[in-house]
Amino acid sequence: MELVVREARVEDAAAIVAILNPIIAAGQYTAFDTPFTVAAEQAYLRGFPARGVFHVAVNPVDQRVRGFQSMEPFATYTHAFDHVGTLGTYVDQASRRQGVASALFAATFAAARRKDYEKLFTFVRGDNPGALATYVKHGFAVVGTARRHAKIAGAYVDEIMIERFL
């Protein structure tokens, strides 16, 4: 699939929510457990940190957003982590295995380097091997497991901690 990756805009909020909410509803791919509203996503985009990176992958043929990736500073309460970003990657369920994540990772890695990040860090649900495989394919390494870290619908879920040096 041909894609254009660009910075997310407030006008993308509805498309982002349309991708994220079915993933949340599936209950097996993310630790998010509450659907997002378009208004909440618009507010999030308006307040997005200047050092953050938020990309959408758009199919230029139909102009539909097929996925998005956001990266924010790991912590803002100290400068000790200024070199670390934390990210999340979400691909429309009908667009998986079509290069969307690969396009997003390439753009985000380049933007993160330009913003002086040296390392990316995130969590992947322990019961989501597809997501873990995608991150590993893009250079992430497992650094540990937070056991029973999330509790979703009454069930504990391990979170796999992963990192990638830029």
C-alpha atoms as a PDB file:
ATOM      1  CA  MET A   1       0.000   0.000   0.000  1.00  0.00           C
ATOM      2  CA  GLU A   2       1.322   3.431  -0.901  1.00  0.00           C
ATOM      3  CA  LEU A   3       1.354   5.757   2.117  1.00  0.00           C
ATOM      4  CA  VAL A   4       2.186   9.309   3.016  1.00  0.00           C
ATOM      5  CA  VAL A   5       3.342   9.858   6.585  1.00  0.00           C
ATOM      6  CA  ARG A   6       2.833  13.345   7.962  1.00  0.00           C
ATOM      7  CA  GLU A   7       2.413  15.119  11.263  1.00  0.00           C
ATOM      8  CA  ALA A   8      -0.975  14.641  12.859  1.00  0.00           C
ATOM      9  CA  ARG A   9      -3.358  17.601  12.852  1.00  0.00           C
ATOM     10  CA  VAL A  10      -6.328  18.441  15.040  1.00  0.00           C
ATOM     11  CA  GLU A  11      -8.489  17.684  11.989  1.00  0.00           C
ATOM     12  CA  ASP A  12      -7.249  14.065  12.149  1.00  0.00           C
ATOM     13  CA  ALA A  13      -8.891  13.462  15.542  1.00  0.00           C
ATOM     14  CA  ALA A  14     -11.967  11.679  14.162  1.00  0.00           C
ATOM     15  CA  ALA A  15      -9.835   9.362  12.004  1.00  0.00           C
ATOM     16  CA  ILE A  16      -7.519   8.609  14.930  1.00  0.00           C
ATOM     17  CA  VAL A  17     -10.450   7.785  17.211  1.00  0.00           C
ATOM     18  CA  ALA A  18     -11.985   5.628  14.448  1.00  0.00           C
ATOM     19  CA  ILE A  19      -8.793   3.530  14.469  1.00  0.00           C
ATOM     20  CA  LEU A  20      -8.225   3.485  18.226  1.00  0.00           C
ATOM     21  CA  ASN A  21     -11.725   2.780  19.539  1.00  0.00           C
ATOM     22  CA  PRO A  22     -12.228  -0.565  17.719  1.00  0.00           C
ATOM     23  CA  ILE A  23      -8.812  -1.652  19.023  1.00  0.00           C
ATOM     24  CA  ILE A  24      -9.905  -0.735  22.553  1.00  0.00           C
ATOM     25  CA  ALA A  25     -13.240  -2.513  22.044  1.00  0.00           C
ATOM     26  CA  ALA A  26     -11.436  -5.701  20.981  1.00  0.00           C
ATOM     27  CA  GLY A  27      -9.911  -5.785  24.462  1.00  0.00           C
ATOM     28  CA  GLN A  28      -6.756  -7.614  23.428  1.00  0.00           C
ATOM     29  CA  TYR A  29      -4.293  -5.204  21.841  1.00  0.00           C
ATOM     30  CA  THR A  30      -3.932  -2.237  24.194  1.00  0.00           C
ATOM     31  CA  ALA A  31      -4.072  -1.373  27.866  1.00  0.00           C
ATOM     32  CA  PHE A  32      -6.531   1.408  27.057  1.00  0.00           C
ATOM     33  CA  ASP A  33      -9.924   0.310  28.303  1.00  0.00           C
ATOM     34  CA  THR A  34     -12.114   3.353  27.720  1.00  0.00           C
ATOM     35  CA  PRO A  35     -13.077   4.674  24.266  1.00  0.00           C
ATOM     36  CA  PHE A  36     -11.912   8.143  23.274  1.00  0.00           C
ATOM     37  CA  THR A  37     -14.125  10.950  22.037  1.00  0.00           C
ATOM     38  CA  VAL A  38     -13.217  13.146  19.101  1.00  0.00           C
ATOM     39  CA  ALA A  39     -13.259  16.175  21.414  1.00  0.00           C
ATOM     40  CA  ALA A  40     -10.815  14.508  23.823  1.00  0.00           C
ATOM     41  CA  GLU A  41      -8.491  13.585  20.957  1.00  0.00           C
ATOM     42  CA  GLN A  42      -8.639  17.131  19.606  1.00  0.00           C
ATOM     43  CA  ALA A  43      -7.667  18.463  23.034  1.00  0.00           C
ATOM     44  CA  TYR A  44      -4.828  15.934  23.228  1.00  0.00           C
ATOM     45  CA  LEU A  45      -3.511  17.027  19.824  1.00  0.00           C
ATOM     46  CA  ARG A  46      -3.760  20.716  20.732  1.00  0.00           C
ATOM     47  CA  GLY A  47      -1.745  20.116  23.903  1.00  0.00           C
ATOM     48  CA  PHE A  48       0.757  17.706  22.407  1.00  0.00           C
ATOM     49  CA  PRO A  49       4.296  18.415  23.664  1.00  0.00           C
ATOM     50  CA  ALA A  50       6.589  20.390  21.358  1.00  0.00           C
ATOM     51  CA  ARG A  51       9.268  17.690  21.677  1.00  0.00           C
ATOM     52  CA  GLY A  52       6.763  15.001  20.844  1.00  0.00           C
ATOM     53  CA  VAL A  53       6.265  13.316  17.498  1.00  0.00           C
ATOM     54  CA  PHE A  54       2.786  12.392  16.297  1.00  0.00           C
ATOM     55  CA  HIS A  55       2.485  10.953  12.806  1.00  0.00           C
ATOM     56  CA  VAL A  56      -0.405   9.628  10.765  1.00  0.00           C
ATOM     57  CA  ALA A  57      -0.056   7.313   7.768  1.00  0.00           C
ATOM     58  CA  VAL A  58      -2.447   8.329   5.003  1.00  0.00           C
ATOM     59  CA  ASN A  59      -3.363   6.384   1.880  1.00  0.00           C
ATOM     60  CA  PRO A  60      -3.051   9.044  -0.840  1.00  0.00           C
ATOM     61  CA  VAL A  61      -5.566   7.283  -3.077  1.00  0.00           C
ATOM     62  CA  ASP A  62      -8.522   7.574  -0.704  1.00  0.00           C
ATOM     63  CA  GLN A  63      -7.011  10.065   1.803  1.00  0.00           C
ATOM     64  CA  ARG A  64      -7.860   7.727   4.715  1.00  0.00           C
ATOM     65  CA  VAL A  65      -5.680   7.621   7.800  1.00  0.00           C
ATOM     66  CA  ARG A  66      -4.557   3.990   8.099  1.00  0.00           C
ATOM     67  CA  GLY A  67      -2.508   4.250  11.274  1.00  0.00           C
ATOM     68  CA  PHE A  68      -0.775   6.574  13.684  1.00  0.00           C
ATOM     69  CA  GLN A  69       2.203   6.651  15.997  1.00  0.00           C
ATOM     70  CA  SER A  70       2.772   9.042  18.860  1.00  0.00           C
ATOM     71  CA  MET A  71       5.971   9.580  20.805  1.00  0.00           C
ATOM     72  CA  GLU A  72       6.265  11.780  23.857  1.00  0.00           C
ATOM     73  CA  PRO A  73       9.022  12.559  26.314  1.00  0.00           C
ATOM     74  CA  PHE A  74       9.369   9.688  28.793  1.00  0.00           C
ATOM     75  CA  ALA A  75       9.225  12.023  31.787  1.00  0.00           C
ATOM     76  CA  THR A  76       8.955  15.759  32.245  1.00  0.00           C
ATOM     77  CA  TYR A  77       9.658  15.932  35.981  1.00  0.00           C
ATOM     78  CA  THR A  78      13.432  15.625  35.481  1.00  0.00           C
ATOM     79  CA  HIS A  79      15.936  16.223  32.693  1.00  0.00           C
ATOM     80  CA  ALA A  80      17.538  12.837  33.387  1.00  0.00           C
ATOM     81  CA  PHE A  81      15.236  11.247  30.810  1.00  0.00           C
ATOM     82  CA  ASP A  82      15.274  13.975  28.144  1.00  0.00           C
ATOM     83  CA  HIS A  83      16.917  11.539  25.728  1.00  0.00           C
ATOM     84  CA  VAL A  84      14.116   8.938  26.082  1.00  0.00           C
ATOM     85  CA  GLY A  85      10.786   8.936  24.275  1.00  0.00           C
ATOM     86  CA  THR A  86       7.848   6.643  24.864  1.00  0.00           C
ATOM     87  CA  LEU A  87       5.649   5.651  21.970  1.00  0.00           C
ATOM     88  CA  GLY A  88       2.510   3.908  20.859  1.00  0.00           C
ATOM     89  CA  THR A  89       1.656   2.490  17.456  1.00  0.00           C
ATOM     90  CA  TYR A  90      -1.860   1.840  16.164  1.00  0.00           C
ATOM     91  CA  VAL A  91      -2.877   0.513  12.767  1.00  0.00           C
ATOM     92  CA  ASP A  92      -6.405   0.242  11.414  1.00  0.00           C
ATOM     93  CA  GLN A  93      -7.435  -3.388  11.766  1.00  0.00           C
ATOM     94  CA  ALA A  94      -8.220  -3.681   8.045  1.00  0.00           C
ATOM     95  CA  SER A  95      -4.813  -2.229   7.098  1.00  0.00           C
ATOM     96  CA  ARG A  96      -2.500  -4.486   9.065  1.00  0.00           C
ATOM     97  CA  ARG A  97       0.407  -6.238   7.336  1.00  0.00           C
ATOM     98  CA  GLN A  98       0.412  -3.655   4.560  1.00  0.00           C
ATOM     99  CA  GLY A  99       3.459  -1.591   5.577  1.00  0.00           C
ATOM    100  CA  VAL A 100       1.667   0.981   7.715  1.00  0.00           C
ATOM    101  CA  ALA A 101       3.745   0.372  10.864  1.00  0.00           C
ATOM    102  CA  SER A 102       6.979   0.260   8.856  1.00  0.00           C
ATOM    103  CA  ALA A 103       6.241   3.638   7.304  1.00  0.00           C
ATOM    104  CA  LEU A 104       5.383   5.114  10.691  1.00  0.00           C
ATOM    105  CA  PHE A 105       8.503   3.735  12.391  1.00  0.00           C
ATOM    106  CA  ALA A 106      10.787   5.139   9.681  1.00  0.00           C
ATOM    107  CA  ALA A 107       9.280   8.613   9.978  1.00  0.00           C
ATOM    108  CA  THR A 108       9.197   8.580  13.777  1.00  0.00           C
ATOM    109  CA  PHE A 109      12.795   7.369  14.123  1.00  0.00           C
ATOM    110  CA  ALA A 110      13.984  10.182  11.841  1.00  0.00           C
ATOM    111  CA  ALA A 111      11.929  12.829  13.657  1.00  0.00           C
ATOM    112  CA  ALA A 112      13.047  11.543  17.074  1.00  0.00           C
ATOM    113  CA  ARG A 113      16.695  11.858  16.061  1.00  0.00           C
ATOM    114  CA  ARG A 114      16.098  15.427  14.858  1.00  0.00           C
ATOM    115  CA  LYS A 115      14.604  16.209  18.285  1.00  0.00           C
ATOM    116  CA  ASP A 116      17.678  14.790  20.062  1.00  0.00           C
ATOM    117  CA  TYR A 117      16.146  11.567  21.338  1.00  0.00           C
ATOM    118  CA  GLU A 118      18.562   8.681  21.757  1.00  0.00           C
ATOM    119  CA  LYS A 119      16.247   5.921  22.937  1.00  0.00           C
ATOM    120  CA  LEU A 120      12.625   4.841  22.561  1.00  0.00           C
ATOM    121  CA  PHE A 121      10.790   2.852  25.200  1.00  0.00           C
ATOM    122  CA  THR A 122       7.331   1.361  25.454  1.00  0.00           C
ATOM    123  CA  PHE A 123       5.216  -1.442  26.849  1.00  0.00           C
ATOM    124  CA  VAL A 124       3.486  -4.153  24.800  1.00  0.00           C
ATOM    125  CA  ARG A 125       0.807  -6.386  26.262  1.00  0.00           C
ATOM    126  CA  GLY A 126       2.223  -9.811  27.031  1.00  0.00           C
ATOM    127  CA  ASP A 127      -0.706 -11.431  25.234  1.00  0.00           C
ATOM    128  CA  ASN A 128      -0.125  -9.478  22.010  1.00  0.00           C
ATOM    129  CA  PRO A 129       2.633 -11.378  20.197  1.00  0.00           C
ATOM    130  CA  GLY A 130       1.849  -9.691  16.883  1.00  0.00           C
ATOM    131  CA  ALA A 131       2.627  -6.237  18.256  1.00  0.00           C
ATOM    132  CA  LEU A 132       5.764  -7.491  19.985  1.00  0.00           C
ATOM    133  CA  ALA A 133       6.967  -9.071  16.735  1.00  0.00           C
ATOM    134  CA  THR A 134       6.370  -5.796  14.889  1.00  0.00           C
ATOM    135  CA  TYR A 135       8.418  -3.814  17.388  1.00  0.00           C
ATOM    136  CA  VAL A 136      11.221  -6.406  17.387  1.00  0.00           C
ATOM    137  CA  LYS A 137      11.244  -6.320  13.571  1.00  0.00           C
ATOM    138  CA  HIS A 138      11.904  -2.577  13.874  1.00  0.00           C
ATOM    139  CA  GLY A 139      14.873  -2.943  16.189  1.00  0.00           C
ATOM    140  CA  PHE A 140      13.328  -3.037  19.638  1.00  0.00           C
ATOM    141  CA  ALA A 141      14.644  -5.437  22.266  1.00  0.00           C
ATOM    142  CA  VAL A 142      12.828  -6.902  25.242  1.00  0.00           C
ATOM    143  CA  VAL A 143      14.259  -5.610  28.516  1.00  0.00           C
ATOM    144  CA  GLY A 144      11.831  -7.169  30.978  1.00  0.00           C
ATOM    145  CA  THR A 145       8.328  -8.112  31.948  1.00  0.00           C
ATOM    146  CA  ALA A 146       6.103  -6.267  34.388  1.00  0.00           C
ATOM    147  CA  ARG A 147       4.001  -9.110  35.731  1.00  0.00           C
ATOM    148  CA  ARG A 148       0.292  -8.517  36.294  1.00  0.00           C
ATOM    149  CA  HIS A 149       0.937  -4.898  35.365  1.00  0.00           C
ATOM    150  CA  ALA A 150      -2.443  -4.143  33.799  1.00  0.00           C
ATOM    151  CA  LYS A 151      -5.849  -5.276  34.968  1.00  0.00           C
ATOM    152  CA  ILE A 152      -8.313  -5.272  32.108  1.00  0.00           C
ATOM    153  CA  ALA A 153     -11.898  -6.459  32.516  1.00  0.00           C
ATOM    154  CA  GLY A 154     -10.897  -8.081  35.786  1.00  0.00           C
ATOM    155  CA  ALA A 155      -7.988 -10.065  34.326  1.00  0.00           C
ATOM    156  CA  TYR A 156      -4.317  -9.348  34.912  1.00  0.00           C
ATOM    157  CA  VAL A 157      -2.107  -8.833  31.883  1.00  0.00           C
ATOM    158  CA  ASP A 158       1.686  -8.788  31.803  1.00  0.00           C
ATOM    159  CA  GLU A 159       3.346  -5.858  30.051  1.00  0.00           C
ATOM    160  CA  ILE A 160       6.539  -6.485  28.091  1.00  0.00           C
ATOM    161  CA  MET A 161       9.031  -3.610  28.374  1.00  0.00           C
ATOM    162  CA  ILE A 162      10.939  -2.914  25.188  1.00  0.00           C
ATOM    163  CA  GLU A 163      13.484  -0.349  24.061  1.00  0.00           C
ATOM    164  CA  ARG A 164      15.345   0.746  20.963  1.00  0.00           C
ATOM    165  CA  PHE A 165      18.416   2.920  20.776  1.00  0.00           C
ATOM    166  CA  LEU A 166      18.483   5.374  17.918  1.00  0.00           C
END
